[in-house]
Each structure stands twice: as structure tokens, then as C-alpha cells.
Amino acid sequence: MWKIGYCRVSTSDQNLDLQMAALERAECTEIFSDHGISGAGFERPGLNQALRSLRDGDMLVVWRLDRLGRSLVDLITLINDLAAKRIEFHSLTEAIDTSTSGGRLTFHIMGAMAEFERAIISERTKAGMRVARARGSRIGRKPSLTADDRIAARIAIEEHGRTVSAVAADYNVHPRSLIRILKQDATVG
């Protein structure tokens, strides 16, 4: 089993020394890093290299979970993807080690908490939308075309013989969007 380390700092004035030292003490055979890159997404050169280097039976090691990523949901997805490839995970600070029963338990508790958090956010969002609709607020983004634009687009296509693509370009919408809008109007009217 190879231990592959990954470390990251968000800003260019931070350094990786503390993380690198911890990963070296954890006997990582190779360490990849990202410097000055946010943990919001998972598209990072160093992380991509680390993930590509992992093989069946290896272990990804990080100093702290937040060095791998910020979103608990995305972290759990990544760690589950690793597990499906028979790759273990170890976060040194949080003592999460998926190669042990206690580490797997901790990981599953975190997963349950993330699922609970998603459900609560979803319930709050839906409740807020119901209240807004009851007050007469429009939910969602502003329509692509005004009522007048839709009428003019229909006339341009049906009476003047212009193509859907040309009319869509006039209104800066995708042709499929224009077709969908015009079909909705036809079913309403």
C-alpha cells in the first residue's frame, strides 16, 4: 500500500510547511500540493495528480479534511468514489481512517450529517418558495422573452418565414429555448 499525500493552501502568502511535515511523518511516499487555490471545487492540478496516482489498495492522506475540500457533500462523494476503487482515506487531524472500523464509523456519521443538512436546506427552500408564491412572487429567473417579444418572434417565424435560429439570435436566446417558449404559448392560448 502506498500512501499518497495531498496538501493545499488558499492564498499565495500561506505556506505548506506544516502540512508537508505532517504528511511526511505519516510516511506518505508521494505528496502533491496546490498553492493559492480555493478548496471550493475539486478541479485542482495537484489534487488531480494525486487522484490519478492512486491505485487499488493505496491510501489518500490529508492533514485536515478542509484541505481536501469545503463541501461535506462533495467530500463524501469523493471518498465514496475512492472506496469503490478500493482506495482508503486518512485525515490526520480528524483521525478519520477508512481502513479502520472506527474511521469508517466516523466517516458514515459525517455522511449522515451531510444528508441531514441537505434535507433541511431543501425543506427550508421549498417552504420559502411556497410562501413567496402565496404572496404572488415569481419564482425562478426572469423570462427570456417578454410577452411582446414572444408575439413578434412568432410573427417573424410564421408570417415572415424567418428561421427559428435567426429569430433566436435576434433575441439572444438558444433556438431550443425559443421553440419551448413558443410551444408553451401555444398550449396556454
C-alpha atoms as a PDB file:
ATOM      1  CA  MET A   1       0.000   0.000   0.000  1.00  0.00           C
ATOM      2  CA  TRP A   2       1.255   3.427  -0.998  1.00  0.00           C
ATOM      3  CA  LYS A   3       0.276   6.489   0.991  1.00  0.00           C
ATOM      4  CA  ILE A   4      -0.279   9.444  -1.313  1.00  0.00           C
ATOM      5  CA  GLY A   5      -0.401  12.816   0.441  1.00  0.00           C
ATOM      6  CA  TYR A   6      -2.250  15.924  -0.634  1.00  0.00           C
ATOM      7  CA  CYS A   7      -1.972  19.415   0.809  1.00  0.00           C
ATOM      8  CA  ARG A   8      -3.323  22.824  -0.145  1.00  0.00           C
ATOM      9  CA  VAL A   9      -3.207  26.455   0.893  1.00  0.00           C
ATOM     10  CA  SER A  10      -5.726  29.028  -0.315  1.00  0.00           C
ATOM     11  CA  THR A  11      -3.577  32.126  -0.628  1.00  0.00           C
ATOM     12  CA  SER A  12      -0.137  32.779  -2.010  1.00  0.00           C
ATOM     13  CA  ASP A  13       1.133  34.226   1.303  1.00  0.00           C
ATOM     14  CA  GLN A  14       0.478  30.946   3.160  1.00  0.00           C
ATOM     15  CA  ASN A  15       2.936  28.060   3.120  1.00  0.00           C
ATOM     16  CA  LEU A  16       2.634  24.307   3.090  1.00  0.00           C
ATOM     17  CA  ASP A  17       5.366  23.527   5.652  1.00  0.00           C
ATOM     18  CA  LEU A  18       3.079  22.341   8.483  1.00  0.00           C
ATOM     19  CA  GLN A  19       1.022  20.115   6.198  1.00  0.00           C
ATOM     20  CA  MET A  20       4.072  18.743   4.372  1.00  0.00           C
ATOM     21  CA  ALA A  21       5.771  17.857   7.666  1.00  0.00           C
ATOM     22  CA  ALA A  22       2.655  16.045   8.928  1.00  0.00           C
ATOM     23  CA  LEU A  23       2.309  14.106   5.666  1.00  0.00           C
ATOM     24  CA  GLU A  24       5.990  13.147   5.772  1.00  0.00           C
ATOM     25  CA  ARG A  25       5.576  11.928   9.394  1.00  0.00           C
ATOM     26  CA  ALA A  26       2.597   9.870   8.164  1.00  0.00           C
ATOM     27  CA  GLU A  27       5.067   8.190   5.778  1.00  0.00           C
ATOM     28  CA  CYS A  28       3.492   9.363   2.533  1.00  0.00           C
ATOM     29  CA  THR A  29       5.535   8.045  -0.383  1.00  0.00           C
ATOM     30  CA  GLU A  30       4.468  10.907  -2.630  1.00  0.00           C
ATOM     31  CA  ILE A  31       2.951  14.309  -1.805  1.00  0.00           C
ATOM     32  CA  PHE A  32       1.005  16.518  -4.203  1.00  0.00           C
ATOM     33  CA  SER A  33       0.023  20.087  -3.474  1.00  0.00           C
ATOM     34  CA  ASP A  34      -1.887  23.114  -4.636  1.00  0.00           C
ATOM     35  CA  HIS A  35      -0.757  26.585  -3.648  1.00  0.00           C
ATOM     36  CA  GLY A  36      -3.046  29.602  -3.747  1.00  0.00           C
ATOM     37  CA  ILE A  37      -6.108  27.617  -4.876  1.00  0.00           C
ATOM     38  CA  SER A  38      -9.510  27.631  -3.186  1.00  0.00           C
ATOM     39  CA  GLY A  39     -10.970  24.416  -1.823  1.00  0.00           C
ATOM     40  CA  ALA A  40     -14.425  25.241  -3.195  1.00  0.00           C
ATOM     41  CA  GLY A  41     -14.101  22.995  -6.255  1.00  0.00           C
ATOM     42  CA  PHE A  42     -12.294  19.750  -6.943  1.00  0.00           C
ATOM     43  CA  GLU A  43     -10.629  20.831 -10.188  1.00  0.00           C
ATOM     44  CA  ARG A  44      -7.100  21.452  -8.914  1.00  0.00           C
ATOM     45  CA  PRO A  45      -3.877  20.382 -10.644  1.00  0.00           C
ATOM     46  CA  GLY A  46      -2.220  18.907  -7.547  1.00  0.00           C
ATOM     47  CA  LEU A  47      -5.362  17.098  -6.431  1.00  0.00           C
ATOM     48  CA  ASN A  48      -5.922  15.734  -9.927  1.00  0.00           C
ATOM     49  CA  GLN A  49      -2.343  14.392  -9.958  1.00  0.00           C
ATOM     50  CA  ALA A  50      -2.802  12.818  -6.529  1.00  0.00           C
ATOM     51  CA  LEU A  51      -6.069  11.150  -7.547  1.00  0.00           C
ATOM     52  CA  ARG A  52      -4.559   9.862 -10.807  1.00  0.00           C
ATOM     53  CA  SER A  53      -1.624   8.318  -8.940  1.00  0.00           C
ATOM     54  CA  LEU A  54      -3.815   6.283  -6.548  1.00  0.00           C
ATOM     55  CA  ARG A  55      -4.229   2.572  -7.215  1.00  0.00           C
ATOM     56  CA  ASP A  56      -6.192  -0.281  -5.665  1.00  0.00           C
ATOM     57  CA  GLY A  57      -5.014  -0.696  -2.049  1.00  0.00           C
ATOM     58  CA  ASP A  58      -3.447   2.785  -1.763  1.00  0.00           C
ATOM     59  CA  MET A  59      -4.427   5.490   0.707  1.00  0.00           C
ATOM     60  CA  LEU A  60      -5.030   9.215   0.184  1.00  0.00           C
ATOM     61  CA  VAL A  61      -3.773  11.176   3.195  1.00  0.00           C
ATOM     62  CA  VAL A  62      -4.552  14.805   4.061  1.00  0.00           C
ATOM     63  CA  TRP A  63      -3.561  16.909   7.052  1.00  0.00           C
ATOM     64  CA  ARG A  64      -7.125  18.147   7.575  1.00  0.00           C
ATOM     65  CA  LEU A  65     -10.379  17.417   5.798  1.00  0.00           C
ATOM     66  CA  ASP A  66     -10.847  21.064   4.774  1.00  0.00           C
ATOM     67  CA  ARG A  67      -7.578  20.901   2.816  1.00  0.00           C
ATOM     68  CA  LEU A  68      -9.268  18.396   0.519  1.00  0.00           C
ATOM     69  CA  GLY A  69     -12.469  20.401   0.090  1.00  0.00           C
ATOM     70  CA  ARG A  70     -15.055  22.643   1.719  1.00  0.00           C
ATOM     71  CA  SER A  71     -18.325  20.946   0.844  1.00  0.00           C
ATOM     72  CA  LEU A  72     -19.030  17.970   3.076  1.00  0.00           C
ATOM     73  CA  VAL A  73     -21.357  16.515   0.464  1.00  0.00           C
ATOM     74  CA  ASP A  74     -18.628  16.696  -2.207  1.00  0.00           C
ATOM     75  CA  LEU A  75     -16.036  15.278   0.204  1.00  0.00           C
ATOM     76  CA  ILE A  76     -18.258  12.313   0.967  1.00  0.00           C
ATOM     77  CA  THR A  77     -18.841  11.724  -2.745  1.00  0.00           C
ATOM     78  CA  LEU A  78     -15.084  11.796  -3.395  1.00  0.00           C
ATOM     79  CA  ILE A  79     -14.291   9.449  -0.513  1.00  0.00           C
ATOM     80  CA  ASN A  80     -17.056   7.048  -1.596  1.00  0.00           C
ATOM     81  CA  ASP A  81     -15.614   7.122  -5.141  1.00  0.00           C
ATOM     82  CA  LEU A  82     -12.201   6.241  -3.694  1.00  0.00           C
ATOM     83  CA  ALA A  83     -13.724   3.400  -1.644  1.00  0.00           C
ATOM     84  CA  ALA A  84     -15.363   1.989  -4.784  1.00  0.00           C
ATOM     85  CA  LYS A  85     -11.850   1.773  -6.251  1.00  0.00           C
ATOM     86  CA  ARG A  86     -10.611   0.120  -3.018  1.00  0.00           C
ATOM     87  CA  ILE A  87      -8.604   3.193  -2.046  1.00  0.00           C
ATOM     88  CA  GLU A  88      -8.555   4.158   1.631  1.00  0.00           C
ATOM     89  CA  PHE A  89      -8.658   7.693   3.040  1.00  0.00           C
ATOM     90  CA  HIS A  90      -6.965   9.199   6.096  1.00  0.00           C
ATOM     91  CA  SER A  91      -7.401  12.691   7.535  1.00  0.00           C
ATOM     92  CA  LEU A  92      -4.678  13.132  10.127  1.00  0.00           C
ATOM     93  CA  THR A  93      -6.244  15.913  12.233  1.00  0.00           C
ATOM     94  CA  GLU A  94      -9.777  14.486  12.380  1.00  0.00           C
ATOM     95  CA  ALA A  95      -8.459  10.929  12.846  1.00  0.00           C
ATOM     96  CA  ILE A  96     -10.619   9.614  10.027  1.00  0.00           C
ATOM     97  CA  ASP A  97      -9.021   6.472   8.656  1.00  0.00           C
ATOM     98  CA  THR A  98     -11.318   4.439   6.443  1.00  0.00           C
ATOM     99  CA  SER A  99      -9.013   1.427   6.780  1.00  0.00           C
ATOM    100  CA  THR A 100     -10.227   1.040  10.397  1.00  0.00           C
ATOM    101  CA  SER A 101     -13.710   0.276  11.699  1.00  0.00           C
ATOM    102  CA  GLY A 102     -13.694   3.420  13.883  1.00  0.00           C
ATOM    103  CA  GLY A 103     -12.628   5.565  10.936  1.00  0.00           C
ATOM    104  CA  ARG A 104     -15.376   4.133   8.752  1.00  0.00           C
ATOM    105  CA  LEU A 105     -17.901   4.799  11.542  1.00  0.00           C
ATOM    106  CA  THR A 106     -16.755   8.425  11.828  1.00  0.00           C
ATOM    107  CA  PHE A 107     -16.983   8.798   8.069  1.00  0.00           C
ATOM    108  CA  HIS A 108     -20.514   7.344   7.972  1.00  0.00           C
ATOM    109  CA  ILE A 109     -21.639   9.633  10.795  1.00  0.00           C
ATOM    110  CA  MET A 110     -20.326  12.577   8.790  1.00  0.00           C
ATOM    111  CA  GLY A 111     -22.188  11.273   5.744  1.00  0.00           C
ATOM    112  CA  ALA A 112     -25.428  11.016   7.709  1.00  0.00           C
ATOM    113  CA  MET A 113     -24.949  14.578   8.989  1.00  0.00           C
ATOM    114  CA  ALA A 114     -24.358  15.817   5.436  1.00  0.00           C
ATOM    115  CA  GLU A 115     -27.507  14.077   4.209  1.00  0.00           C
ATOM    116  CA  PHE A 116     -29.476  15.594   7.110  1.00  0.00           C
ATOM    117  CA  GLU A 117     -28.078  19.033   6.288  1.00  0.00           C
ATOM    118  CA  ARG A 118     -29.102  18.669   2.611  1.00  0.00           C
ATOM    119  CA  ALA A 119     -32.628  17.610   3.625  1.00  0.00           C
ATOM    120  CA  ILE A 120     -33.040  20.580   5.998  1.00  0.00           C
ATOM    121  CA  ILE A 121     -31.805  23.030   3.347  1.00  0.00           C
ATOM    122  CA  SER A 122     -34.196  21.509   0.801  1.00  0.00           C
ATOM    123  CA  GLU A 123     -37.149  21.730   3.204  1.00  0.00           C
ATOM    124  CA  ARG A 124     -36.368  25.376   4.021  1.00  0.00           C
ATOM    125  CA  THR A 125     -36.007  26.251   0.344  1.00  0.00           C
ATOM    126  CA  LYS A 126     -39.316  24.627  -0.561  1.00  0.00           C
ATOM    127  CA  ALA A 127     -41.092  26.325   2.357  1.00  0.00           C
ATOM    128  CA  GLY A 128     -39.654  29.697   1.332  1.00  0.00           C
ATOM    129  CA  MET A 129     -40.797  29.174  -2.256  1.00  0.00           C
ATOM    130  CA  ARG A 130     -44.333  28.276  -1.098  1.00  0.00           C
ATOM    131  CA  VAL A 131     -44.511  31.462   0.980  1.00  0.00           C
ATOM    132  CA  ALA A 132     -43.196  33.561  -1.916  1.00  0.00           C
ATOM    133  CA  ARG A 133     -45.722  32.035  -4.341  1.00  0.00           C
ATOM    134  CA  ALA A 134     -48.541  32.653  -1.857  1.00  0.00           C
ATOM    135  CA  ARG A 135     -47.516  36.329  -1.788  1.00  0.00           C
ATOM    136  CA  GLY A 136     -47.630  36.403  -5.576  1.00  0.00           C
ATOM    137  CA  SER A 137     -43.867  36.493  -6.132  1.00  0.00           C
ATOM    138  CA  ARG A 138     -42.486  34.925  -9.249  1.00  0.00           C
ATOM    139  CA  ILE A 139     -40.095  32.053  -8.522  1.00  0.00           C
ATOM    140  CA  GLY A 140     -37.104  31.481 -10.757  1.00  0.00           C
ATOM    141  CA  ARG A 141     -35.200  33.652 -13.131  1.00  0.00           C
ATOM    142  CA  LYS A 142     -36.654  36.399 -15.288  1.00  0.00           C
ATOM    143  CA  PRO A 143     -38.299  35.152 -18.508  1.00  0.00           C
ATOM    144  CA  SER A 144     -36.024  35.153 -21.562  1.00  0.00           C
ATOM    145  CA  LEU A 145     -38.615  36.981 -23.671  1.00  0.00           C
ATOM    146  CA  THR A 146     -41.321  39.483 -22.808  1.00  0.00           C
ATOM    147  CA  ALA A 147     -44.898  38.863 -23.986  1.00  0.00           C
ATOM    148  CA  ASP A 148     -44.352  41.356 -26.818  1.00  0.00           C
ATOM    149  CA  ASP A 149     -41.085  39.643 -27.822  1.00  0.00           C
ATOM    150  CA  ARG A 150     -42.852  36.262 -27.961  1.00  0.00           C
ATOM    151  CA  ILE A 151     -45.577  37.651 -30.221  1.00  0.00           C
ATOM    152  CA  ALA A 152     -43.025  39.332 -32.505  1.00  0.00           C
ATOM    153  CA  ALA A 153     -40.940  36.133 -32.666  1.00  0.00           C
ATOM    154  CA  ARG A 154     -43.985  34.037 -33.606  1.00  0.00           C
ATOM    155  CA  ILE A 155     -44.938  36.540 -36.363  1.00  0.00           C
ATOM    156  CA  ALA A 156     -41.362  36.604 -37.691  1.00  0.00           C
ATOM    157  CA  ILE A 157     -41.336  32.812 -37.994  1.00  0.00           C
ATOM    158  CA  GLU A 158     -44.905  32.051 -39.056  1.00  0.00           C
ATOM    159  CA  GLU A 159     -45.744  35.049 -41.227  1.00  0.00           C
ATOM    160  CA  HIS A 160     -42.374  36.293 -42.467  1.00  0.00           C
ATOM    161  CA  GLY A 161     -40.751  32.894 -42.939  1.00  0.00           C
ATOM    162  CA  ARG A 162     -37.644  33.582 -40.828  1.00  0.00           C
ATOM    163  CA  THR A 163     -35.819  30.610 -39.362  1.00  0.00           C
ATOM    164  CA  VAL A 164     -36.031  29.787 -35.667  1.00  0.00           C
ATOM    165  CA  SER A 165     -32.235  30.129 -35.432  1.00  0.00           C
ATOM    166  CA  ALA A 166     -32.260  33.629 -36.927  1.00  0.00           C
ATOM    167  CA  VAL A 167     -35.092  34.830 -34.681  1.00  0.00           C
ATOM    168  CA  ALA A 168     -33.465  33.242 -31.626  1.00  0.00           C
ATOM    169  CA  ALA A 169     -30.243  35.104 -32.443  1.00  0.00           C
ATOM    170  CA  ASP A 170     -32.219  38.380 -32.622  1.00  0.00           C
ATOM    171  CA  TYR A 171     -33.387  37.843 -29.037  1.00  0.00           C
ATOM    172  CA  ASN A 172     -30.145  36.333 -27.786  1.00  0.00           C
ATOM    173  CA  VAL A 173     -31.737  33.007 -26.799  1.00  0.00           C
ATOM    174  CA  HIS A 174     -30.959  29.462 -27.844  1.00  0.00           C
ATOM    175  CA  PRO A 175     -33.184  28.138 -30.665  1.00  0.00           C
ATOM    176  CA  ARG A 176     -34.403  25.287 -28.399  1.00  0.00           C
ATOM    177  CA  SER A 177     -35.411  27.865 -25.777  1.00  0.00           C
ATOM    178  CA  LEU A 178     -37.370  29.830 -28.372  1.00  0.00           C
ATOM    179  CA  ILE A 179     -39.157  26.678 -29.571  1.00  0.00           C
ATOM    180  CA  ARG A 180     -40.018  25.728 -25.965  1.00  0.00           C
ATOM    181  CA  ILE A 181     -41.352  29.238 -25.225  1.00  0.00           C
ATOM    182  CA  LEU A 182     -43.476  29.302 -28.372  1.00  0.00           C
ATOM    183  CA  LYS A 183     -44.869  25.818 -27.651  1.00  0.00           C
ATOM    184  CA  GLN A 184     -45.801  26.907 -24.109  1.00  0.00           C
ATOM    185  CA  ASP A 185     -47.588  29.961 -25.514  1.00  0.00           C
ATOM    186  CA  ALA A 186     -49.478  27.756 -27.987  1.00  0.00           C
ATOM    187  CA  THR A 187     -50.742  25.432 -25.210  1.00  0.00           C
ATOM    188  CA  VAL A 188     -51.765  28.363 -22.984  1.00  0.00           C
ATOM    189  CA  GLY A 189     -53.543  30.338 -25.750  1.00  0.00           C
END
